[in-house]
């Protein structure tokens, strides 16, 4: 098996932001050549597949500037420094939906765009929701919705659900229903 490692020759920080940092790396390629890599550094995130007692998926509807449109997503948010993913998941669920949960099951972690970003999303599942009070961040505006899996599948087809973590959530629930 060949060594596909790209060795960093030099790294230059371009931007330090609230959510991401950007850098450009000069790398030595496996064949000895060189290239540049533009990288997005992200602290990681969580997402919660939250299911109500009557089997409905909890979604939030939020405008996404990068897409210039409003989409429906499962509750999610950025890891804070030193915060365990489960703690972040409970916090984000409560902030965005008001729901608390008794149990939170870790399902999977995946990289969102490994070609240029190191963001790792940790996905959790819960169906042990209890009511609480929504507490959005100052710059966060969203609506909460609850849908069936069939409604969510229609929303995927209509591209009102249009992000990977939420598509994963719907497919997970669809498979879980048939197991």
N, C-alpha and C. Protein backbone atom coordinates (compact mmCIF):
# COMPACT_ATOMS: atom_id res chain seq x y z
N UNK A 1 0.84 -1.18 0.00
CA UNK A 1 0.00 0.00 0.00
C UNK A 1 0.89 1.25 0.00
N UNK A 2 0.59 2.19 -0.86
CA UNK A 2 1.44 3.38 -0.98
C UNK A 2 1.13 4.41 0.11
N UNK A 3 2.12 5.23 0.41
CA UNK A 3 1.96 6.31 1.38
C UNK A 3 1.39 7.52 0.66
N UNK A 4 0.18 7.93 1.03
CA UNK A 4 -0.48 9.05 0.38
C UNK A 4 -0.40 10.34 1.18
N UNK A 5 0.42 10.35 2.22
CA UNK A 5 0.54 11.50 3.11
C UNK A 5 1.09 12.72 2.38
N UNK A 6 0.47 13.86 2.66
CA UNK A 6 0.98 15.14 2.19
C UNK A 6 1.65 15.83 3.38
N UNK A 7 2.95 16.09 3.24
CA UNK A 7 3.70 16.70 4.35
C UNK A 7 3.60 18.23 4.26
N UNK A 8 3.27 18.85 5.39
CA UNK A 8 3.16 20.31 5.43
C UNK A 8 4.56 20.94 5.43
N UNK A 9 4.77 21.82 4.46
CA UNK A 9 6.03 22.57 4.36
C UNK A 9 5.90 23.87 5.15
N UNK A 10 4.77 24.52 4.95
CA UNK A 10 4.52 25.81 5.59
C UNK A 10 3.02 25.99 5.72
N UNK A 11 2.60 26.64 6.81
CA UNK A 11 1.19 26.91 7.05
C UNK A 11 1.02 28.40 7.34
N UNK A 12 0.01 29.01 6.71
CA UNK A 12 -0.22 30.45 6.91
C UNK A 12 -1.68 30.66 7.33
N UNK A 13 -1.87 31.28 8.51
CA UNK A 13 -3.21 31.65 8.96
C UNK A 13 -3.70 32.83 8.15
N UNK A 14 -4.93 32.71 7.62
CA UNK A 14 -5.52 33.75 6.79
C UNK A 14 -6.57 34.54 7.55
N UNK A 15 -7.36 33.85 8.37
CA UNK A 15 -8.49 34.47 9.05
C UNK A 15 -8.81 33.70 10.32
N UNK A 16 -9.05 34.41 11.41
CA UNK A 16 -9.48 33.82 12.68
C UNK A 16 -10.87 34.36 12.96
N UNK A 17 -11.89 33.49 12.92
CA UNK A 17 -13.26 33.94 13.09
C UNK A 17 -13.93 33.36 14.32
N UNK A 18 -15.19 33.68 14.47
CA UNK A 18 -16.02 33.20 15.59
C UNK A 18 -16.36 31.71 15.41
N UNK A 19 -16.56 31.28 14.18
CA UNK A 19 -16.98 29.91 13.90
C UNK A 19 -15.87 29.10 13.24
N UNK A 20 -15.13 29.72 12.35
CA UNK A 20 -14.08 29.00 11.62
C UNK A 20 -12.80 29.81 11.58
N UNK A 21 -11.71 29.11 11.30
CA UNK A 21 -10.42 29.71 10.98
C UNK A 21 -10.02 29.21 9.60
N UNK A 22 -9.33 30.05 8.86
CA UNK A 22 -8.88 29.68 7.51
C UNK A 22 -7.36 29.71 7.46
N UNK A 23 -6.81 28.72 6.76
CA UNK A 23 -5.36 28.69 6.58
C UNK A 23 -5.03 28.14 5.20
N UNK A 24 -3.84 28.48 4.73
CA UNK A 24 -3.33 27.93 3.47
C UNK A 24 -2.03 27.22 3.80
N UNK A 25 -1.94 25.96 3.41
CA UNK A 25 -0.74 25.16 3.63
C UNK A 25 -0.04 24.88 2.31
N UNK A 26 1.28 25.01 2.32
CA UNK A 26 2.09 24.50 1.23
C UNK A 26 2.44 23.08 1.62
N UNK A 27 2.22 22.12 0.71
CA UNK A 27 2.46 20.72 1.02
C UNK A 27 3.36 20.06 0.00
N UNK A 28 4.08 19.04 0.48
CA UNK A 28 4.84 18.17 -0.41
C UNK A 28 3.96 16.96 -0.70
N UNK A 29 3.76 16.68 -1.98
CA UNK A 29 2.90 15.58 -2.41
C UNK A 29 3.65 14.25 -2.35
N UNK A 30 2.94 13.15 -2.37
CA UNK A 30 3.58 11.84 -2.31
C UNK A 30 4.62 11.59 -3.41
N UNK A 31 4.44 12.25 -4.56
CA UNK A 31 5.41 12.06 -5.65
C UNK A 31 6.58 13.04 -5.59
N UNK A 32 6.63 13.88 -4.52
CA UNK A 32 7.72 14.84 -4.37
C UNK A 32 7.38 16.23 -4.86
N UNK A 33 6.29 16.38 -5.61
CA UNK A 33 5.86 17.69 -6.07
C UNK A 33 5.28 18.50 -4.91
N UNK A 34 4.90 19.74 -5.21
CA UNK A 34 4.31 20.59 -4.18
C UNK A 34 2.97 21.14 -4.64
N UNK A 35 2.17 21.55 -3.67
CA UNK A 35 0.87 22.14 -3.97
C UNK A 35 0.42 22.99 -2.79
N UNK A 36 -0.67 23.69 -2.96
CA UNK A 36 -1.28 24.48 -1.88
C UNK A 36 -2.61 23.83 -1.49
N UNK A 37 -2.92 23.90 -0.20
CA UNK A 37 -4.20 23.41 0.32
C UNK A 37 -4.86 24.53 1.12
N UNK A 38 -6.07 24.90 0.73
CA UNK A 38 -6.86 25.89 1.45
C UNK A 38 -7.73 25.13 2.44
N UNK A 39 -7.60 25.45 3.75
CA UNK A 39 -8.23 24.65 4.79
C UNK A 39 -9.14 25.49 5.67
N UNK A 40 -10.29 24.91 6.00
CA UNK A 40 -11.21 25.48 6.97
C UNK A 40 -11.06 24.68 8.25
N UNK A 41 -10.70 25.36 9.33
CA UNK A 41 -10.55 24.71 10.63
C UNK A 41 -11.79 25.03 11.46
N UNK A 42 -12.42 24.00 12.00
CA UNK A 42 -13.69 24.14 12.73
C UNK A 42 -13.61 23.34 14.02
N UNK A 43 -14.17 23.84 15.11
CA UNK A 43 -14.06 23.13 16.39
C UNK A 43 -14.89 21.86 16.49
N UNK A 44 -15.76 21.61 15.52
CA UNK A 44 -16.64 20.45 15.57
C UNK A 44 -18.04 20.86 15.97
N UNK A 45 -18.96 19.94 15.77
CA UNK A 45 -20.37 20.26 16.02
C UNK A 45 -21.11 19.00 16.44
N UNK A 46 -22.35 19.22 16.86
CA UNK A 46 -23.25 18.11 17.20
C UNK A 46 -24.55 18.30 16.45
N UNK A 47 -25.30 17.23 16.32
CA UNK A 47 -26.64 17.27 15.76
C UNK A 47 -27.47 16.24 16.52
N UNK A 48 -28.75 16.55 16.71
CA UNK A 48 -29.60 15.68 17.51
C UNK A 48 -30.82 15.25 16.71
N UNK A 49 -30.97 13.94 16.56
CA UNK A 49 -32.19 13.37 16.00
C UNK A 49 -33.14 13.22 17.19
N UNK A 50 -34.06 14.17 17.31
CA UNK A 50 -34.98 14.21 18.44
C UNK A 50 -36.37 13.81 17.96
N UNK A 51 -36.93 12.78 18.59
CA UNK A 51 -38.22 12.23 18.19
C UNK A 51 -39.21 12.39 19.35
N UNK A 52 -40.37 12.93 19.04
CA UNK A 52 -41.40 13.15 20.05
C UNK A 52 -42.07 11.83 20.44
N UNK A 53 -42.86 11.88 21.50
CA UNK A 53 -43.57 10.67 21.97
C UNK A 53 -44.46 10.07 20.90
N UNK A 54 -45.00 10.92 20.01
CA UNK A 54 -45.87 10.41 18.94
C UNK A 54 -45.08 10.11 17.65
N UNK A 55 -43.75 10.02 17.74
CA UNK A 55 -42.94 9.57 16.62
C UNK A 55 -42.61 10.62 15.57
N UNK A 56 -42.73 11.87 15.90
CA UNK A 56 -42.43 12.93 14.94
C UNK A 56 -41.00 13.46 15.15
N UNK A 57 -40.34 13.77 14.05
CA UNK A 57 -38.98 14.30 14.07
C UNK A 57 -39.03 15.81 14.33
N UNK A 58 -38.23 16.26 15.28
CA UNK A 58 -38.15 17.69 15.60
C UNK A 58 -37.16 18.35 14.65
N UNK A 59 -37.63 19.39 13.96
CA UNK A 59 -36.80 20.16 13.03
C UNK A 59 -36.82 21.63 13.42
N UNK A 60 -35.82 22.34 12.99
CA UNK A 60 -35.83 23.80 13.08
C UNK A 60 -35.73 24.35 11.67
N UNK A 61 -36.43 25.45 11.44
CA UNK A 61 -36.39 26.13 10.14
C UNK A 61 -35.58 27.39 10.33
N UNK A 62 -34.51 27.52 9.51
CA UNK A 62 -33.56 28.60 9.73
C UNK A 62 -33.03 29.10 8.39
N UNK A 63 -32.84 30.41 8.29
CA UNK A 63 -32.22 30.99 7.10
C UNK A 63 -30.73 30.73 7.15
N UNK A 64 -30.18 30.24 6.05
CA UNK A 64 -28.75 29.97 5.96
C UNK A 64 -28.14 30.89 4.91
N UNK A 65 -27.38 31.86 5.37
CA UNK A 65 -26.81 32.89 4.49
C UNK A 65 -25.94 32.29 3.39
N UNK A 66 -25.16 31.26 3.73
CA UNK A 66 -24.29 30.65 2.72
C UNK A 66 -25.10 30.10 1.54
N UNK A 67 -26.33 29.68 1.81
CA UNK A 67 -27.20 29.12 0.77
C UNK A 67 -28.15 30.17 0.20
N UNK A 68 -28.28 31.29 0.90
CA UNK A 68 -29.25 32.34 0.56
C UNK A 68 -30.67 31.77 0.52
N UNK A 69 -30.98 30.88 1.48
CA UNK A 69 -32.34 30.36 1.57
C UNK A 69 -32.60 29.79 2.96
N UNK A 70 -33.86 29.56 3.23
CA UNK A 70 -34.31 28.97 4.49
C UNK A 70 -34.49 27.47 4.29
N UNK A 71 -33.93 26.69 5.20
CA UNK A 71 -34.08 25.24 5.14
C UNK A 71 -34.47 24.70 6.51
N UNK A 72 -34.95 23.47 6.51
CA UNK A 72 -35.27 22.75 7.74
C UNK A 72 -34.10 21.84 8.09
N UNK A 73 -33.76 21.80 9.38
CA UNK A 73 -32.64 20.99 9.84
C UNK A 73 -32.98 20.36 11.18
N UNK A 74 -32.24 19.32 11.55
CA UNK A 74 -32.33 18.83 12.91
C UNK A 74 -31.56 19.81 13.80
N UNK A 75 -31.90 19.89 15.08
CA UNK A 75 -31.17 20.79 15.98
C UNK A 75 -29.67 20.45 15.98
N UNK A 76 -28.85 21.49 15.96
CA UNK A 76 -27.41 21.29 15.86
C UNK A 76 -26.68 22.53 16.36
N UNK A 77 -25.39 22.36 16.63
CA UNK A 77 -24.61 23.51 17.04
C UNK A 77 -23.14 23.17 17.22
N UNK A 78 -22.38 24.21 17.41
CA UNK A 78 -20.91 24.15 17.49
C UNK A 78 -20.46 23.75 18.89
N UNK A 79 -19.44 22.90 18.92
CA UNK A 79 -18.79 22.56 20.19
C UNK A 79 -18.09 23.80 20.75
N UNK A 80 -18.21 24.00 22.04
CA UNK A 80 -17.45 25.06 22.72
C UNK A 80 -16.13 24.45 23.19
N UNK A 81 -15.09 25.27 23.36
CA UNK A 81 -13.79 24.74 23.80
C UNK A 81 -13.91 23.91 25.08
N UNK A 82 -13.39 22.69 25.03
CA UNK A 82 -13.38 21.80 26.19
C UNK A 82 -14.71 21.14 26.50
N UNK A 83 -15.73 21.37 25.69
CA UNK A 83 -17.05 20.83 25.95
C UNK A 83 -17.20 19.46 25.29
N UNK A 84 -17.69 18.48 26.04
CA UNK A 84 -17.93 17.14 25.49
C UNK A 84 -19.11 17.18 24.53
N UNK A 85 -19.06 16.40 23.44
CA UNK A 85 -20.16 16.41 22.48
C UNK A 85 -21.55 16.19 23.10
N UNK A 86 -21.67 15.29 24.06
CA UNK A 86 -22.99 15.05 24.67
C UNK A 86 -23.50 16.29 25.40
N UNK A 87 -22.61 17.00 26.05
CA UNK A 87 -22.99 18.24 26.74
C UNK A 87 -23.48 19.26 25.72
N UNK A 88 -22.76 19.40 24.62
CA UNK A 88 -23.15 20.32 23.55
C UNK A 88 -24.51 19.92 22.98
N UNK A 89 -24.72 18.63 22.77
CA UNK A 89 -25.98 18.15 22.20
C UNK A 89 -27.15 18.50 23.10
N UNK A 90 -27.02 18.27 24.38
CA UNK A 90 -28.09 18.61 25.32
C UNK A 90 -28.34 20.12 25.34
N UNK A 91 -27.26 20.90 25.33
CA UNK A 91 -27.39 22.36 25.34
C UNK A 91 -28.08 22.86 24.09
N UNK A 92 -27.64 22.40 22.93
CA UNK A 92 -28.21 22.87 21.66
C UNK A 92 -29.67 22.45 21.52
N UNK A 93 -30.00 21.23 21.92
CA UNK A 93 -31.39 20.77 21.87
C UNK A 93 -32.26 21.69 22.70
N UNK A 94 -31.83 21.99 23.91
CA UNK A 94 -32.61 22.86 24.79
C UNK A 94 -32.70 24.28 24.24
N UNK A 95 -31.57 24.83 23.79
CA UNK A 95 -31.56 26.21 23.28
C UNK A 95 -32.48 26.37 22.07
N UNK A 96 -32.36 25.45 21.11
CA UNK A 96 -33.08 25.62 19.85
C UNK A 96 -34.53 25.17 19.90
N UNK A 97 -34.85 24.19 20.74
CA UNK A 97 -36.21 23.63 20.74
C UNK A 97 -36.93 23.76 22.07
N UNK A 98 -36.19 23.97 23.14
CA UNK A 98 -36.78 23.97 24.47
C UNK A 98 -36.86 22.59 25.08
N UNK A 99 -36.67 21.56 24.28
CA UNK A 99 -36.76 20.19 24.79
C UNK A 99 -35.54 19.81 25.62
N UNK A 100 -35.77 19.07 26.68
CA UNK A 100 -34.75 18.39 27.46
C UNK A 100 -34.88 16.91 27.10
N UNK A 101 -33.89 16.11 27.45
CA UNK A 101 -34.02 14.67 27.20
C UNK A 101 -33.39 13.89 28.35
N UNK A 102 -33.98 12.74 28.64
CA UNK A 102 -33.46 11.87 29.69
C UNK A 102 -32.27 11.07 29.19
N UNK A 103 -32.39 10.54 27.97
CA UNK A 103 -31.33 9.72 27.39
C UNK A 103 -30.90 10.30 26.06
N UNK A 104 -29.61 10.15 25.78
CA UNK A 104 -29.05 10.63 24.53
C UNK A 104 -28.07 9.57 24.04
N UNK A 105 -28.39 8.98 22.91
CA UNK A 105 -27.58 7.87 22.38
C UNK A 105 -26.66 8.38 21.27
N UNK A 106 -25.34 8.20 21.43
CA UNK A 106 -24.44 8.57 20.32
C UNK A 106 -24.61 7.59 19.17
N UNK A 107 -24.73 8.12 17.94
CA UNK A 107 -24.94 7.25 16.77
C UNK A 107 -23.71 7.16 15.88
N UNK A 108 -23.20 8.31 15.46
CA UNK A 108 -22.12 8.34 14.48
C UNK A 108 -21.45 9.70 14.53
N UNK A 109 -20.22 9.75 14.09
CA UNK A 109 -19.53 11.02 13.87
C UNK A 109 -19.01 10.99 12.45
N UNK A 110 -19.14 12.11 11.74
CA UNK A 110 -18.65 12.15 10.36
C UNK A 110 -18.11 13.52 10.01
N UNK A 111 -17.16 13.52 9.06
CA UNK A 111 -16.61 14.77 8.54
C UNK A 111 -17.54 15.29 7.47
N UNK A 112 -17.84 16.59 7.52
CA UNK A 112 -18.80 17.15 6.58
C UNK A 112 -18.22 17.38 5.19
N UNK A 113 -17.00 17.85 5.10
CA UNK A 113 -16.37 18.17 3.81
C UNK A 113 -14.86 17.96 3.91
N UNK A 114 -14.41 16.71 3.97
CA UNK A 114 -12.99 16.44 4.26
C UNK A 114 -12.01 16.91 3.20
N UNK A 115 -12.48 17.34 2.05
CA UNK A 115 -11.58 17.85 1.03
C UNK A 115 -10.97 19.19 1.39
N UNK A 116 -11.65 19.95 2.27
CA UNK A 116 -11.12 21.27 2.64
C UNK A 116 -11.42 21.68 4.08
N UNK A 117 -12.20 20.89 4.82
CA UNK A 117 -12.56 21.28 6.19
C UNK A 117 -12.37 20.11 7.15
N UNK A 118 -12.05 20.44 8.40
CA UNK A 118 -11.89 19.39 9.41
C UNK A 118 -13.09 19.27 10.35
N UNK A 119 -14.23 19.89 10.00
CA UNK A 119 -15.42 19.83 10.86
C UNK A 119 -15.89 18.38 11.03
N UNK A 120 -16.00 17.96 12.29
CA UNK A 120 -16.49 16.64 12.65
C UNK A 120 -17.82 16.83 13.38
N UNK A 121 -18.89 16.24 12.85
CA UNK A 121 -20.22 16.34 13.45
C UNK A 121 -20.53 15.04 14.18
N UNK A 122 -20.92 15.17 15.45
CA UNK A 122 -21.31 14.03 16.28
C UNK A 122 -22.84 14.00 16.31
N UNK A 123 -23.44 12.89 15.87
CA UNK A 123 -24.89 12.79 15.79
C UNK A 123 -25.40 11.93 16.94
N UNK A 124 -26.44 12.44 17.61
CA UNK A 124 -27.07 11.75 18.73
C UNK A 124 -28.54 11.50 18.43
N UNK A 125 -29.11 10.52 19.13
CA UNK A 125 -30.53 10.19 19.00
C UNK A 125 -31.19 10.22 20.37
N UNK A 126 -32.40 10.76 20.42
CA UNK A 126 -33.21 10.68 21.63
C UNK A 126 -34.69 10.62 21.28
N UNK A 127 -35.41 9.84 22.05
CA UNK A 127 -36.88 9.83 21.98
C UNK A 127 -37.46 9.97 23.39
N UNK A 128 -36.68 10.59 24.27
CA UNK A 128 -37.07 10.78 25.67
C UNK A 128 -37.22 12.28 25.98
N UNK A 129 -37.98 12.97 25.15
CA UNK A 129 -38.09 14.42 25.26
C UNK A 129 -39.07 14.84 26.35
N UNK A 130 -38.72 15.91 27.04
CA UNK A 130 -39.63 16.58 27.97
C UNK A 130 -39.61 18.07 27.63
N UNK A 131 -40.73 18.73 27.88
CA UNK A 131 -40.87 20.14 27.53
C UNK A 131 -39.99 21.03 28.39
N UNK A 132 -39.52 22.09 27.76
CA UNK A 132 -38.74 23.11 28.43
C UNK A 132 -38.98 24.42 27.70
N UNK A 133 -38.04 25.35 27.83
CA UNK A 133 -38.20 26.65 27.20
C UNK A 133 -37.05 26.92 26.23
N UNK A 134 -37.40 27.32 25.02
CA UNK A 134 -36.41 27.66 23.99
C UNK A 134 -35.61 28.88 24.44
N UNK A 135 -34.28 28.85 24.25
CA UNK A 135 -33.41 29.96 24.63
C UNK A 135 -32.38 30.20 23.53
N UNK A 136 -32.81 30.85 22.47
CA UNK A 136 -31.95 31.08 21.31
C UNK A 136 -30.82 32.04 21.62
N UNK A 137 -29.69 31.90 20.89
CA UNK A 137 -28.61 32.86 20.95
C UNK A 137 -29.12 34.20 20.41
N UNK A 138 -28.45 35.30 20.75
CA UNK A 138 -28.88 36.64 20.34
C UNK A 138 -28.98 36.80 18.82
N UNK A 139 -28.12 36.11 18.07
CA UNK A 139 -28.11 36.25 16.61
C UNK A 139 -28.76 35.06 15.91
N UNK A 140 -29.59 34.32 16.63
CA UNK A 140 -30.21 33.10 16.10
C UNK A 140 -31.72 33.30 15.99
N UNK A 141 -32.25 33.05 14.80
CA UNK A 141 -33.68 33.17 14.56
C UNK A 141 -34.14 31.90 13.86
N UNK A 142 -35.05 31.18 14.48
CA UNK A 142 -35.53 29.93 13.87
C UNK A 142 -36.91 29.58 14.40
N UNK A 143 -37.59 28.74 13.64
CA UNK A 143 -38.89 28.20 14.02
C UNK A 143 -38.73 26.71 14.23
N UNK A 144 -39.51 26.16 15.13
CA UNK A 144 -39.49 24.72 15.40
C UNK A 144 -40.68 24.06 14.71
N UNK A 145 -40.44 22.86 14.16
CA UNK A 145 -41.49 22.09 13.50
C UNK A 145 -41.31 20.62 13.84
N UNK A 146 -42.40 19.89 13.80
CA UNK A 146 -42.37 18.45 14.02
C UNK A 146 -43.03 17.78 12.82
N UNK A 147 -42.34 16.79 12.24
CA UNK A 147 -42.84 16.15 11.03
C UNK A 147 -42.70 14.64 11.14
N UNK A 148 -43.50 13.93 10.36
CA UNK A 148 -43.37 12.48 10.26
C UNK A 148 -42.19 12.16 9.33
N UNK A 149 -41.76 10.93 9.33
CA UNK A 149 -40.69 10.52 8.42
C UNK A 149 -41.14 10.69 6.97
N UNK A 150 -42.39 10.34 6.68
CA UNK A 150 -42.89 10.50 5.31
C UNK A 150 -42.90 11.97 4.88
N UNK A 151 -43.31 12.86 5.78
CA UNK A 151 -43.28 14.28 5.48
C UNK A 151 -41.84 14.75 5.26
N UNK A 152 -40.92 14.25 6.07
CA UNK A 152 -39.51 14.62 5.92
C UNK A 152 -38.96 14.15 4.58
N UNK A 153 -39.35 12.96 4.14
CA UNK A 153 -38.91 12.46 2.83
C UNK A 153 -39.42 13.36 1.71
N UNK A 154 -40.64 13.84 1.83
CA UNK A 154 -41.18 14.78 0.84
C UNK A 154 -40.40 16.10 0.87
N UNK A 155 -40.00 16.52 2.07
CA UNK A 155 -39.23 17.76 2.20
C UNK A 155 -37.84 17.61 1.59
N UNK A 156 -37.27 16.43 1.67
CA UNK A 156 -35.98 16.18 1.01
C UNK A 156 -36.15 16.30 -0.50
N UNK A 157 -37.21 15.70 -1.02
CA UNK A 157 -37.47 15.76 -2.46
C UNK A 157 -37.69 17.21 -2.92
N UNK A 158 -38.31 18.03 -2.07
CA UNK A 158 -38.57 19.43 -2.40
C UNK A 158 -37.38 20.33 -2.07
N UNK A 159 -36.34 19.77 -1.49
CA UNK A 159 -35.12 20.48 -1.09
C UNK A 159 -35.38 21.57 -0.05
N UNK A 160 -36.41 21.36 0.79
CA UNK A 160 -36.56 22.22 1.97
C UNK A 160 -35.77 21.61 3.12
N UNK A 161 -35.53 20.31 3.07
CA UNK A 161 -34.46 19.68 3.84
C UNK A 161 -33.36 19.47 2.82
N UNK A 162 -32.19 20.10 3.08
CA UNK A 162 -31.18 20.14 2.03
C UNK A 162 -29.76 20.07 2.59
N UNK A 163 -29.62 19.52 3.81
CA UNK A 163 -28.28 19.40 4.38
C UNK A 163 -28.03 17.95 4.77
N UNK A 164 -26.76 17.57 4.79
CA UNK A 164 -26.38 16.17 4.96
C UNK A 164 -26.81 15.59 6.30
N UNK A 165 -26.64 16.34 7.38
CA UNK A 165 -26.95 15.77 8.70
C UNK A 165 -28.44 15.47 8.84
N UNK A 166 -29.29 16.29 8.24
CA UNK A 166 -30.73 16.07 8.34
C UNK A 166 -31.17 14.96 7.41
N UNK A 167 -30.59 14.89 6.22
CA UNK A 167 -30.88 13.77 5.33
C UNK A 167 -30.47 12.47 6.00
N UNK A 168 -29.31 12.46 6.65
CA UNK A 168 -28.87 11.28 7.40
C UNK A 168 -29.90 10.92 8.47
N UNK A 169 -30.38 11.92 9.20
CA UNK A 169 -31.36 11.68 10.28
C UNK A 169 -32.61 11.02 9.75
N UNK A 170 -33.13 11.52 8.64
CA UNK A 170 -34.36 10.98 8.06
C UNK A 170 -34.12 9.54 7.58
N UNK A 171 -33.00 9.30 6.94
CA UNK A 171 -32.70 7.94 6.49
C UNK A 171 -32.50 6.99 7.67
N UNK A 172 -31.87 7.48 8.74
CA UNK A 172 -31.71 6.67 9.95
C UNK A 172 -33.08 6.26 10.50
N UNK A 173 -34.00 7.21 10.60
CA UNK A 173 -35.33 6.91 11.11
C UNK A 173 -36.10 6.00 10.18
N UNK A 174 -35.93 6.18 8.89
CA UNK A 174 -36.59 5.31 7.91
C UNK A 174 -36.10 3.88 8.06
N UNK A 175 -34.80 3.68 8.21
CA UNK A 175 -34.25 2.34 8.40
C UNK A 175 -34.66 1.75 9.75
N UNK A 176 -34.64 2.58 10.77
CA UNK A 176 -34.99 2.12 12.12
C UNK A 176 -36.43 1.61 12.17
N UNK A 177 -37.30 2.25 11.41
CA UNK A 177 -38.72 1.87 11.35
C UNK A 177 -38.87 0.48 10.72
N UNK A 178 -37.93 0.11 9.85
CA UNK A 178 -38.04 -1.16 9.12
C UNK A 178 -37.20 -2.27 9.71
N UNK A 179 -36.54 -2.01 10.82
CA UNK A 179 -35.70 -3.05 11.44
C UNK A 179 -36.50 -3.85 12.44
